[in-house]
Amino acid sequence: MTSQDKDLSAQASETAQSGAETPQNWRRWVWENVQVVAIALVLVLIIRTYIAEPRFIPSDSMLPTLETGDRVVVEKVSYRFHPPQPGDIIVFSPPPQLQAQGYQADQAFIKRVIGIPGQEIEIHDNRVYVNHIPLTEPYIAAPPQYQLPPFQVPAHALFVMGDNRNNSNDSHIWGFLPQNQVIGRAIFRFWPFPRVGGI
């Protein structure tokens, strides 16, 4: 056998071995990618459940702060350490009184916290008063064109309002929000791109 024949024979042997290993390599590649995808899905589920999630703004009840179609990040960590505070923009599941009106439990609302437990709220003369002090609210679309007599926010509840005061289905219509309905706090708008930034 000539040296050329030996070379051809060696190449043929290597090709055959390579061909024999291809299915095994392919299975390893598939398995590794399945593992990567599974880990990524688990991480996404953990992050979405316990840390943060994206939300879509479906209405104009938070104008001018948020517009219909905006996408925001809702963080879920901070309220594990302290309750919602006045001024926070929160996302929450419909309370029982809204579910009784036909809203689904998995729907989400977004409003601004105005009153926390123990505070006295009243609305008159186009102003919202907390503990008899009028709020300074540069973020609202227009002053409220309605009145509410004084009332106190009960324990474990919140009084929430949309920034578009006269076109918002909020606590001035359906009452207090139980704190256990809160999903998280809206902190960042990531769409549309020209208005990306903190809320």
N, C-alpha and C. Protein backbone atom coordinates (compact mmCIF):
# COMPACT_ATOMS: atom_id res chain seq x y z
N MET A 1 0.85 -1.19 0.00
CA MET A 1 0.00 0.00 0.00
C MET A 1 0.89 1.24 0.00
N THR A 2 0.60 2.11 -0.93
CA THR A 2 1.39 3.34 -1.03
C THR A 2 1.03 4.29 0.08
N SER A 3 1.89 5.30 0.26
CA SER A 3 1.61 6.31 1.30
C SER A 3 0.34 7.08 0.98
N GLN A 4 0.06 7.26 -0.33
CA GLN A 4 -1.16 7.97 -0.72
C GLN A 4 -2.39 7.17 -0.35
N ASP A 5 -2.30 5.85 -0.56
CA ASP A 5 -3.42 4.97 -0.19
C ASP A 5 -3.65 5.00 1.32
N LYS A 6 -2.52 5.02 2.08
CA LYS A 6 -2.64 5.07 3.54
C LYS A 6 -3.34 6.36 4.00
N ASP A 7 -2.97 7.46 3.35
CA ASP A 7 -3.60 8.73 3.72
C ASP A 7 -5.09 8.72 3.45
N LEU A 8 -5.45 8.18 2.26
CA LEU A 8 -6.87 8.10 1.91
C LEU A 8 -7.63 7.21 2.87
N SER A 9 -6.98 6.11 3.28
CA SER A 9 -7.61 5.18 4.21
C SER A 9 -7.82 5.83 5.57
N ALA A 10 -6.82 6.62 6.03
CA ALA A 10 -6.93 7.30 7.32
C ALA A 10 -8.04 8.34 7.29
N GLN A 11 -8.13 9.08 6.17
CA GLN A 11 -9.18 10.09 6.04
C GLN A 11 -10.56 9.44 6.06
N ALA A 12 -10.68 8.31 5.38
CA ALA A 12 -11.96 7.61 5.34
C ALA A 12 -12.35 7.12 6.72
N SER A 13 -11.33 6.65 7.51
CA SER A 13 -11.58 6.18 8.86
C SER A 13 -12.05 7.31 9.76
N GLU A 14 -11.36 8.47 9.64
CA GLU A 14 -11.75 9.64 10.44
C GLU A 14 -13.16 10.10 10.11
N THR A 15 -13.47 10.09 8.80
CA THR A 15 -14.82 10.50 8.36
C THR A 15 -15.88 9.58 8.92
N ALA A 16 -15.57 8.28 8.91
CA ALA A 16 -16.52 7.31 9.42
C ALA A 16 -16.74 7.50 10.91
N GLN A 17 -15.61 7.74 11.65
CA GLN A 17 -15.75 7.97 13.09
C GLN A 17 -16.54 9.24 13.38
N SER A 18 -16.24 10.28 12.58
CA SER A 18 -16.96 11.54 12.76
C SER A 18 -18.44 11.34 12.52
N GLY A 19 -18.78 10.60 11.46
CA GLY A 19 -20.17 10.33 11.15
C GLY A 19 -20.85 9.54 12.24
N ALA A 20 -20.09 8.62 12.87
CA ALA A 20 -20.66 7.81 13.94
C ALA A 20 -20.95 8.65 15.17
N GLU A 21 -20.17 9.72 15.40
CA GLU A 21 -20.35 10.55 16.58
C GLU A 21 -21.40 11.64 16.39
N THR A 22 -21.78 11.91 15.16
CA THR A 22 -22.69 13.02 14.89
C THR A 22 -24.02 12.90 15.63
N PRO A 23 -24.72 11.76 15.60
CA PRO A 23 -25.99 11.67 16.34
C PRO A 23 -25.81 11.91 17.84
N GLN A 24 -24.71 11.41 18.40
CA GLN A 24 -24.46 11.60 19.82
C GLN A 24 -24.21 13.08 20.12
N ASN A 25 -23.42 13.74 19.27
CA ASN A 25 -23.17 15.17 19.45
C ASN A 25 -24.47 15.97 19.32
N TRP A 26 -25.29 15.58 18.37
CA TRP A 26 -26.55 16.28 18.15
C TRP A 26 -27.47 16.15 19.36
N ARG A 27 -27.52 14.93 19.93
CA ARG A 27 -28.35 14.72 21.12
C ARG A 27 -27.83 15.54 22.30
N ARG A 28 -26.52 15.61 22.44
CA ARG A 28 -25.92 16.40 23.52
C ARG A 28 -26.26 17.88 23.34
N TRP A 29 -26.16 18.35 22.09
CA TRP A 29 -26.47 19.75 21.80
C TRP A 29 -27.92 20.07 22.12
N VAL A 30 -28.83 19.18 21.72
CA VAL A 30 -30.26 19.38 22.00
C VAL A 30 -30.51 19.40 23.50
N TRP A 31 -29.92 18.46 24.23
CA TRP A 31 -30.14 18.37 25.67
C TRP A 31 -29.62 19.61 26.39
N GLU A 32 -28.43 20.07 25.98
CA GLU A 32 -27.87 21.27 26.60
C GLU A 32 -28.77 22.48 26.36
N ASN A 33 -29.30 22.61 25.18
CA ASN A 33 -30.18 23.74 24.86
C ASN A 33 -31.52 23.63 25.59
N VAL A 34 -32.01 22.41 25.74
CA VAL A 34 -33.24 22.22 26.51
C VAL A 34 -33.02 22.66 27.95
N GLN A 35 -31.86 22.31 28.51
CA GLN A 35 -31.55 22.72 29.88
C GLN A 35 -31.46 24.24 30.01
N VAL A 36 -30.81 24.88 29.03
CA VAL A 36 -30.67 26.34 29.06
C VAL A 36 -32.04 27.00 29.01
N VAL A 37 -32.90 26.52 28.11
CA VAL A 37 -34.24 27.09 27.98
C VAL A 37 -35.05 26.87 29.26
N ALA A 38 -34.94 25.68 29.84
CA ALA A 38 -35.68 25.37 31.07
C ALA A 38 -35.23 26.27 32.21
N ILE A 39 -33.92 26.46 32.34
CA ILE A 39 -33.39 27.33 33.40
C ILE A 39 -33.87 28.77 33.18
N ALA A 40 -33.83 29.22 31.92
CA ALA A 40 -34.28 30.58 31.62
C ALA A 40 -35.75 30.76 31.97
N LEU A 41 -36.58 29.77 31.64
CA LEU A 41 -38.00 29.86 31.95
C LEU A 41 -38.25 29.89 33.46
N VAL A 42 -37.50 29.09 34.20
CA VAL A 42 -37.64 29.08 35.66
C VAL A 42 -37.24 30.44 36.23
N LEU A 43 -36.14 31.00 35.72
CA LEU A 43 -35.70 32.31 36.20
C LEU A 43 -36.73 33.39 35.90
N VAL A 44 -37.29 33.34 34.68
CA VAL A 44 -38.32 34.32 34.31
C VAL A 44 -39.52 34.19 35.24
N LEU A 45 -39.92 32.95 35.53
CA LEU A 45 -41.07 32.73 36.41
C LEU A 45 -40.79 33.25 37.82
N ILE A 46 -39.59 32.99 38.33
CA ILE A 46 -39.23 33.45 39.66
C ILE A 46 -39.20 34.99 39.70
N ILE A 47 -38.55 35.57 38.69
CA ILE A 47 -38.45 37.04 38.65
C ILE A 47 -39.83 37.66 38.54
N ARG A 48 -40.67 37.10 37.66
CA ARG A 48 -42.01 37.68 37.46
C ARG A 48 -42.88 37.52 38.71
N THR A 49 -42.72 36.41 39.41
CA THR A 49 -43.56 36.16 40.58
C THR A 49 -43.12 36.95 41.80
N TYR A 50 -41.81 37.08 42.00
CA TYR A 50 -41.33 37.63 43.26
C TYR A 50 -40.57 38.95 43.15
N ILE A 51 -40.10 39.31 41.97
CA ILE A 51 -39.21 40.47 41.88
C ILE A 51 -39.81 41.61 41.06
N ALA A 52 -40.12 41.36 39.80
CA ALA A 52 -40.64 42.43 38.94
C ALA A 52 -41.33 41.82 37.73
N GLU A 53 -42.21 42.62 37.13
CA GLU A 53 -42.89 42.17 35.92
C GLU A 53 -43.30 43.37 35.08
N PRO A 54 -43.43 43.16 33.78
CA PRO A 54 -43.90 44.25 32.92
C PRO A 54 -45.42 44.33 32.95
N ARG A 55 -45.94 45.54 32.78
CA ARG A 55 -47.39 45.74 32.70
C ARG A 55 -47.71 46.75 31.61
N PHE A 56 -48.89 46.57 31.04
CA PHE A 56 -49.41 47.42 29.97
C PHE A 56 -50.48 48.34 30.54
N ILE A 57 -50.43 49.62 30.20
CA ILE A 57 -51.43 50.57 30.69
C ILE A 57 -52.63 50.56 29.72
N PRO A 58 -53.79 50.08 30.17
CA PRO A 58 -54.92 49.88 29.26
C PRO A 58 -55.86 51.07 29.10
N SER A 59 -55.71 52.10 29.93
CA SER A 59 -56.68 53.21 29.88
C SER A 59 -55.96 54.53 30.13
N ASP A 60 -56.75 55.62 30.08
CA ASP A 60 -56.17 56.94 30.30
C ASP A 60 -56.44 57.46 31.71
N SER A 61 -56.72 56.56 32.66
CA SER A 61 -57.05 57.00 34.02
C SER A 61 -55.87 57.60 34.77
N MET A 62 -54.63 57.38 34.26
CA MET A 62 -53.45 57.93 34.93
C MET A 62 -52.82 59.07 34.14
N LEU A 63 -53.54 59.62 33.16
CA LEU A 63 -53.02 60.79 32.44
C LEU A 63 -52.84 61.94 33.42
N PRO A 64 -51.84 62.77 33.25
CA PRO A 64 -50.83 62.75 32.19
C PRO A 64 -49.58 61.93 32.53
N THR A 65 -49.57 61.32 33.74
CA THR A 65 -48.38 60.58 34.17
C THR A 65 -48.11 59.39 33.27
N LEU A 66 -49.16 58.62 32.98
CA LEU A 66 -49.05 57.44 32.13
C LEU A 66 -50.12 57.50 31.06
N GLU A 67 -49.75 57.14 29.84
CA GLU A 67 -50.68 57.16 28.73
C GLU A 67 -51.09 55.74 28.35
N THR A 68 -52.24 55.64 27.70
CA THR A 68 -52.69 54.35 27.20
C THR A 68 -51.63 53.75 26.28
N GLY A 69 -51.28 52.51 26.54
CA GLY A 69 -50.26 51.84 25.73
C GLY A 69 -48.87 51.87 26.32
N ASP A 70 -48.66 52.68 27.34
CA ASP A 70 -47.35 52.67 28.00
C ASP A 70 -47.08 51.29 28.59
N ARG A 71 -45.80 50.92 28.62
CA ARG A 71 -45.37 49.70 29.30
C ARG A 71 -44.49 50.09 30.47
N VAL A 72 -44.79 49.51 31.63
CA VAL A 72 -44.05 49.86 32.84
C VAL A 72 -43.52 48.61 33.53
N VAL A 73 -42.47 48.81 34.32
CA VAL A 73 -41.94 47.75 35.17
C VAL A 73 -42.54 47.92 36.56
N VAL A 74 -43.08 46.83 37.08
CA VAL A 74 -43.67 46.82 38.41
C VAL A 74 -42.79 45.99 39.33
N GLU A 75 -42.18 46.65 40.33
CA GLU A 75 -41.32 45.90 41.25
C GLU A 75 -42.15 45.40 42.43
N LYS A 76 -41.78 44.20 42.93
CA LYS A 76 -42.57 43.54 43.96
C LYS A 76 -41.81 43.32 45.26
N VAL A 77 -40.62 43.88 45.35
CA VAL A 77 -39.76 43.59 46.51
C VAL A 77 -39.99 44.55 47.67
N SER A 78 -40.07 45.85 47.38
CA SER A 78 -40.05 46.86 48.46
C SER A 78 -41.20 46.70 49.44
N TYR A 79 -42.37 46.28 48.96
CA TYR A 79 -43.51 46.17 49.87
C TYR A 79 -43.44 44.95 50.78
N ARG A 80 -42.40 44.15 50.61
CA ARG A 80 -42.15 43.07 51.57
C ARG A 80 -41.51 43.64 52.84
N PHE A 81 -40.97 44.86 52.73
CA PHE A 81 -40.27 45.47 53.85
C PHE A 81 -41.02 46.67 54.44
N HIS A 82 -41.88 47.29 53.65
CA HIS A 82 -42.67 48.41 54.17
C HIS A 82 -43.96 48.52 53.35
N PRO A 83 -45.01 49.08 53.93
CA PRO A 83 -46.27 49.19 53.21
C PRO A 83 -46.21 50.31 52.17
N PRO A 84 -47.16 50.34 51.24
CA PRO A 84 -47.23 51.44 50.27
C PRO A 84 -47.31 52.80 50.96
N GLN A 85 -46.73 53.80 50.32
CA GLN A 85 -46.68 55.14 50.88
C GLN A 85 -47.47 56.12 49.99
N PRO A 86 -47.96 57.22 50.55
CA PRO A 86 -48.66 58.21 49.73
C PRO A 86 -47.78 58.67 48.56
N GLY A 87 -48.39 58.75 47.40
CA GLY A 87 -47.66 59.14 46.20
C GLY A 87 -47.18 57.97 45.37
N ASP A 88 -47.08 56.78 45.96
CA ASP A 88 -46.67 55.61 45.18
C ASP A 88 -47.70 55.31 44.10
N ILE A 89 -47.23 54.91 42.94
CA ILE A 89 -48.12 54.43 41.88
C ILE A 89 -48.09 52.92 41.95
N ILE A 90 -49.23 52.34 42.27
CA ILE A 90 -49.29 50.90 42.52
C ILE A 90 -50.16 50.17 41.50
N VAL A 91 -49.83 48.92 41.31
CA VAL A 91 -50.65 48.02 40.49
C VAL A 91 -51.29 47.02 41.45
N PHE A 92 -52.58 46.77 41.26
CA PHE A 92 -53.29 45.90 42.19
C PHE A 92 -54.37 45.09 41.48
N SER A 93 -54.72 43.98 42.10
CA SER A 93 -55.84 43.17 41.62
C SER A 93 -57.14 43.84 42.05
N PRO A 94 -58.21 43.66 41.27
CA PRO A 94 -59.48 44.29 41.64
C PRO A 94 -59.95 43.82 43.02
N PRO A 95 -60.31 44.74 43.90
CA PRO A 95 -60.84 44.34 45.21
C PRO A 95 -62.20 43.68 45.05
N PRO A 96 -62.70 43.06 46.11
CA PRO A 96 -63.99 42.34 46.00
C PRO A 96 -65.13 43.17 45.43
N GLN A 97 -65.18 44.46 45.79
CA GLN A 97 -66.29 45.28 45.30
C GLN A 97 -66.25 45.47 43.78
N LEU A 98 -65.05 45.43 43.18
CA LEU A 98 -64.94 45.51 41.73
C LEU A 98 -65.20 44.15 41.09
N GLN A 99 -64.75 43.09 41.74
CA GLN A 99 -65.04 41.76 41.21
C GLN A 99 -66.54 41.50 41.20
N ALA A 100 -67.24 42.05 42.18
CA ALA A 100 -68.70 41.91 42.22
C ALA A 100 -69.36 42.63 41.05
N GLN A 101 -68.65 43.61 40.47
CA GLN A 101 -69.18 44.33 39.30
C GLN A 101 -68.80 43.66 37.99
N GLY A 102 -68.07 42.54 38.08
CA GLY A 102 -67.75 41.80 36.86
C GLY A 102 -66.29 41.81 36.45
N TYR A 103 -65.46 42.55 37.15
CA TYR A 103 -64.03 42.54 36.84
C TYR A 103 -63.42 41.20 37.27
N GLN A 104 -62.51 40.69 36.44
CA GLN A 104 -61.87 39.41 36.74
C GLN A 104 -60.76 39.59 37.76
N ALA A 105 -60.56 38.56 38.59
CA ALA A 105 -59.56 38.63 39.65
C ALA A 105 -58.15 38.80 39.11
N ASP A 106 -57.92 38.33 37.87
CA ASP A 106 -56.56 38.42 37.31
C ASP A 106 -56.33 39.72 36.52
N GLN A 107 -57.33 40.59 36.47
CA GLN A 107 -57.13 41.90 35.87
C GLN A 107 -56.30 42.76 36.82
N ALA A 108 -55.71 43.81 36.29
CA ALA A 108 -54.90 44.68 37.14
C ALA A 108 -55.28 46.14 36.91
N PHE A 109 -55.29 46.88 37.99
CA PHE A 109 -55.53 48.33 37.97
C PHE A 109 -54.25 49.03 38.36
N ILE A 110 -54.11 50.28 37.94
CA ILE A 110 -52.97 51.09 38.35
C ILE A 110 -53.48 52.46 38.80
N LYS A 111 -53.12 52.85 40.03
CA LYS A 111 -53.56 54.12 40.61
C LYS A 111 -52.45 54.66 41.51
N ARG A 112 -52.68 55.89 41.99
CA ARG A 112 -51.73 56.50 42.92
C ARG A 112 -52.29 56.41 44.35
N VAL A 113 -51.43 56.07 45.29
CA VAL A 113 -51.84 56.03 46.69
C VAL A 113 -52.01 57.46 47.20
N ILE A 114 -53.19 57.75 47.74
CA ILE A 114 -53.48 59.07 48.29
C ILE A 114 -53.56 59.01 49.81
N GLY A 115 -54.20 57.98 50.34
CA GLY A 115 -54.36 57.87 51.79
C GLY A 115 -53.96 56.50 52.29
N ILE A 116 -53.32 56.48 53.46
CA ILE A 116 -52.91 55.24 54.11
C ILE A 116 -53.66 55.12 55.43
N PRO A 117 -53.59 53.96 56.08
CA PRO A 117 -54.38 53.75 57.30
C PRO A 117 -54.19 54.86 58.34
N GLY A 118 -55.33 55.32 58.89
CA GLY A 118 -55.32 56.34 59.92
C GLY A 118 -55.44 57.76 59.41
N GLN A 119 -55.21 57.97 58.12
CA GLN A 119 -55.31 59.33 57.58
C GLN A 119 -56.77 59.68 57.28
N GLU A 120 -57.08 60.96 57.42
CA GLU A 120 -58.42 61.44 57.09
C GLU A 120 -58.39 62.11 55.72
N ILE A 121 -59.29 61.69 54.87
CA ILE A 121 -59.36 62.19 53.50
C ILE A 121 -60.67 62.92 53.30
N GLU A 122 -60.63 64.01 52.55
CA GLU A 122 -61.85 64.68 52.11
C GLU A 122 -61.56 65.39 50.78
N ILE A 123 -62.58 65.57 50.00
CA ILE A 123 -62.43 66.23 48.71
C ILE A 123 -63.51 67.30 48.59
N HIS A 124 -63.08 68.54 48.42
CA HIS A 124 -64.02 69.64 48.20
C HIS A 124 -63.26 70.82 47.61
N ASP A 125 -64.00 71.70 46.98
CA ASP A 125 -63.42 72.90 46.37
C ASP A 125 -62.28 72.55 45.41
N ASN A 126 -62.48 71.45 44.67
CA ASN A 126 -61.51 71.00 43.66
C ASN A 126 -60.15 70.64 44.23
N ARG A 127 -60.11 70.25 45.50
CA ARG A 127 -58.86 69.85 46.14
C ARG A 127 -59.05 68.56 46.93
N VAL A 128 -57.97 67.81 47.05
CA VAL A 128 -57.95 66.64 47.92
C VAL A 128 -57.22 67.05 49.20
N TYR A 129 -57.84 66.75 50.33
CA TYR A 129 -57.25 67.10 51.62
C TYR A 129 -56.89 65.82 52.37
N VAL A 130 -55.71 65.80 52.94
CA VAL A 130 -55.27 64.69 53.80
C VAL A 130 -54.96 65.27 55.16
N ASN A 131 -55.69 64.78 56.17
CA ASN A 131 -55.56 65.33 57.52
C ASN A 131 -55.72 66.86 57.51
N HIS A 132 -56.71 67.33 56.72
CA HIS A 132 -57.10 68.74 56.62
C HIS A 132 -56.09 69.61 55.88
N ILE A 133 -55.09 69.00 55.28
CA ILE A 133 -54.09 69.76 54.52
C ILE A 133 -54.28 69.48 53.04
N PRO A 134 -54.45 70.51 52.21
CA PRO A 134 -54.64 70.28 50.77
C PRO A 134 -53.36 69.74 50.13
N LEU A 135 -53.54 68.74 49.27
CA LEU A 135 -52.38 68.18 48.58
C LEU A 135 -51.95 69.10 47.44
N THR A 136 -50.66 69.18 47.25
CA THR A 136 -50.11 69.83 46.06
C THR A 136 -49.89 68.74 45.03
N GLU A 137 -50.62 68.82 43.92
CA GLU A 137 -50.62 67.72 42.97
C GLU A 137 -50.33 68.20 41.54
N PRO A 138 -49.08 68.45 41.22
CA PRO A 138 -48.74 68.90 39.86
C PRO A 138 -48.92 67.81 38.81
N TYR A 139 -49.13 66.57 39.23
CA TYR A 139 -49.20 65.43 38.32
C TYR A 139 -50.61 65.16 37.79
N ILE A 140 -51.65 65.83 38.28
CA ILE A 140 -53.01 65.48 37.85
C ILE A 140 -53.37 66.17 36.54
N ALA A 141 -54.35 65.56 35.84
CA ALA A 141 -54.80 66.13 34.57
C ALA A 141 -55.66 67.37 34.80
N ALA A 142 -56.50 67.31 35.84
CA ALA A 142 -57.38 68.44 36.17
C ALA A 142 -57.88 68.24 37.60
N PRO A 143 -58.27 69.31 38.28
CA PRO A 143 -58.78 69.18 39.65
C PRO A 143 -60.06 68.34 39.67
N PRO A 144 -60.30 67.63 40.76
CA PRO A 144 -61.51 66.80 40.85
C PRO A 144 -62.76 67.66 40.86
N GLN A 145 -63.74 67.26 40.06
CA GLN A 145 -65.00 68.00 39.97
C GLN A 145 -66.09 67.30 40.78
N TYR A 146 -65.70 66.77 41.92
CA TYR A 146 -66.66 66.10 42.80
C TYR A 146 -66.23 66.34 44.24
N GLN A 147 -67.09 65.92 45.17
CA GLN A 147 -66.79 66.12 46.58
C GLN A 147 -66.98 64.81 47.34
N LEU A 148 -66.20 64.66 48.39
CA LEU A 148 -66.37 63.54 49.32
C LEU A 148 -66.26 64.10 50.73
N PRO A 149 -67.19 63.75 51.61
CA PRO A 149 -67.10 64.22 53.00
C PRO A 149 -65.93 63.54 53.70
N PRO A 150 -65.49 64.08 54.82
CA PRO A 150 -64.33 63.49 55.53
C PRO A 150 -64.57 62.04 55.93
N PHE A 151 -63.53 61.25 55.80
CA PHE A 151 -63.57 59.84 56.23
C PHE A 151 -62.14 59.42 56.56
N GLN A 152 -62.03 58.38 57.36
CA GLN A 152 -60.71 57.88 57.76
C GLN A 152 -60.42 56.57 57.05
N VAL A 153 -59.19 56.44 56.58
CA VAL A 153 -58.77 55.20 55.92
C VAL A 153 -58.59 54.13 57.00
N PRO A 154 -59.28 52.99 56.87
CA PRO A 154 -59.18 51.95 57.91
C PRO A 154 -57.84 51.20 57.86
N ALA A 155 -57.61 50.41 58.88
CA ALA A 155 -56.39 49.60 58.94
C ALA A 155 -56.34 48.64 57.76
N HIS A 156 -55.13 48.38 57.28
CA HIS A 156 -54.88 47.41 56.20
C HIS A 156 -55.59 47.77 54.90
N ALA A 157 -55.79 49.07 54.69
CA ALA A 157 -56.46 49.52 53.47
C ALA A 157 -55.76 50.76 52.93
N LEU A 158 -56.07 51.09 51.69
CA LEU A 158 -55.53 52.28 51.04
C LEU A 158 -56.64 53.02 50.32
N PHE A 159 -56.46 54.33 50.17
CA PHE A 159 -57.35 55.13 49.33
C PHE A 159 -56.53 55.52 48.11
N VAL A 160 -56.97 55.09 46.93
CA VAL A 160 -56.18 55.29 45.71
C VAL A 160 -57.00 56.06 44.68
N MET A 161 -56.31 56.87 43.87
CA MET A 161 -56.97 57.67 42.85
C MET A 161 -56.13 57.69 41.58
N GLY A 162 -56.81 57.83 40.45
CA GLY A 162 -56.10 58.04 39.20
C GLY A 162 -55.70 59.49 39.05
N ASP A 163 -54.61 59.75 38.35
CA ASP A 163 -54.18 61.13 38.14
C ASP A 163 -55.14 61.88 37.23
N ASN A 164 -55.86 61.15 36.40
CA ASN A 164 -56.91 61.75 35.57
C ASN A 164 -58.20 61.75 36.41
N ARG A 165 -58.23 62.63 37.40
CA ARG A 165 -59.21 62.57 38.48
C ARG A 165 -60.67 62.44 38.03
N ASN A 166 -61.02 63.07 36.95
CA ASN A 166 -62.42 63.08 36.53
C ASN A 166 -62.76 61.98 35.54
N ASN A 167 -61.81 61.11 35.27
CA ASN A 167 -62.06 59.98 34.38
C ASN A 167 -61.28 58.77 34.89
N SER A 168 -61.56 58.41 36.13
CA SER A 168 -60.83 57.31 36.76
C SER A 168 -61.77 56.51 37.66
N ASN A 169 -61.78 55.22 37.46
CA ASN A 169 -62.57 54.30 38.29
C ASN A 169 -61.70 53.94 39.50
N ASP A 170 -61.82 54.74 40.56
CA ASP A 170 -60.90 54.57 41.68
C ASP A 170 -61.65 54.59 43.01
N SER A 171 -60.92 54.81 44.10
CA SER A 171 -61.51 54.72 45.44
C SER A 171 -62.63 55.71 45.69
N HIS A 172 -62.66 56.81 44.97
CA HIS A 172 -63.76 57.76 45.20
C HIS A 172 -65.08 57.18 44.70
N ILE A 173 -65.01 56.12 43.90
CA ILE A 173 -66.22 55.45 43.39
C ILE A 173 -66.49 54.17 44.16
N TRP A 174 -65.47 53.30 44.31
CA TRP A 174 -65.71 51.97 44.87
C TRP A 174 -65.15 51.74 46.26
N GLY A 175 -64.49 52.72 46.83
CA GLY A 175 -64.08 52.58 48.23
C GLY A 175 -62.62 52.19 48.42
N PHE A 176 -62.34 51.61 49.57
CA PHE A 176 -60.96 51.34 49.97
C PHE A 176 -60.40 50.10 49.29
N LEU A 177 -59.08 50.15 49.09
CA LEU A 177 -58.36 49.01 48.51
C LEU A 177 -57.68 48.24 49.63
N PRO A 178 -58.03 46.96 49.83
CA PRO A 178 -57.29 46.14 50.81
C PRO A 178 -55.81 46.03 50.40
N GLN A 179 -54.92 46.20 51.35
CA GLN A 179 -53.50 46.18 51.02
C GLN A 179 -53.05 44.85 50.45
N ASN A 180 -53.75 43.77 50.79
CA ASN A 180 -53.33 42.47 50.28
C ASN A 180 -53.65 42.28 48.80
N GLN A 181 -54.31 43.27 48.19
CA GLN A 181 -54.57 43.20 46.74
C GLN A 181 -53.44 43.83 45.92
N VAL A 182 -52.51 44.49 46.61
CA VAL A 182 -51.44 45.18 45.90
C VAL A 182 -50.45 44.18 45.30
N ILE A 183 -50.16 44.35 44.02
CA ILE A 183 -49.19 43.50 43.31
C ILE A 183 -47.79 44.08 43.43
N GLY A 184 -47.66 45.38 43.27
CA GLY A 184 -46.35 46.00 43.34
C GLY A 184 -46.41 47.47 42.98
N ARG A 185 -45.24 48.07 42.85
CA ARG A 185 -45.11 49.51 42.60
C ARG A 185 -44.54 49.75 41.21
N ALA A 186 -45.20 50.58 40.43
CA ALA A 186 -44.69 50.94 39.10
C ALA A 186 -43.53 51.91 39.27
N ILE A 187 -42.38 51.56 38.71
CA ILE A 187 -41.18 52.37 38.94
C ILE A 187 -40.52 52.89 37.67
N PHE A 188 -40.82 52.25 36.52
CA PHE A 188 -40.06 52.61 35.32
C PHE A 188 -40.90 52.36 34.08
N ARG A 189 -40.91 53.33 33.16
CA ARG A 189 -41.58 53.17 31.87
C ARG A 189 -40.52 52.76 30.85
N PHE A 190 -40.72 51.60 30.21
CA PHE A 190 -39.74 51.15 29.22
C PHE A 190 -40.24 51.25 27.78
N TRP A 191 -41.49 51.70 27.62
CA TRP A 191 -42.04 51.92 26.28
C TRP A 191 -43.19 52.90 26.39
N PRO A 192 -43.33 53.83 25.43
CA PRO A 192 -42.56 53.98 24.18
C PRO A 192 -41.18 54.60 24.43
N PHE A 193 -40.29 54.35 23.50
CA PHE A 193 -38.89 54.71 23.68
C PHE A 193 -38.67 56.19 23.97
N PRO A 194 -39.38 57.12 23.27
CA PRO A 194 -39.10 58.54 23.56
C PRO A 194 -39.41 58.96 24.99
N ARG A 195 -40.22 58.18 25.70
CA ARG A 195 -40.58 58.56 27.07
C ARG A 195 -40.07 57.56 28.12
N VAL A 196 -39.05 56.81 27.76
CA VAL A 196 -38.45 55.86 28.69
C VAL A 196 -37.90 56.61 29.90
N GLY A 197 -38.14 56.07 31.07
CA GLY A 197 -37.60 56.69 32.28
C GLY A 197 -38.39 56.34 33.52
N GLY A 198 -37.93 56.84 34.65
CA GLY A 198 -38.60 56.59 35.91
C GLY A 198 -39.95 57.26 35.97
N ILE A 199 -40.80 56.73 36.83
CA ILE A 199 -42.15 57.26 36.98
C ILE A 199 -42.24 58.07 38.27
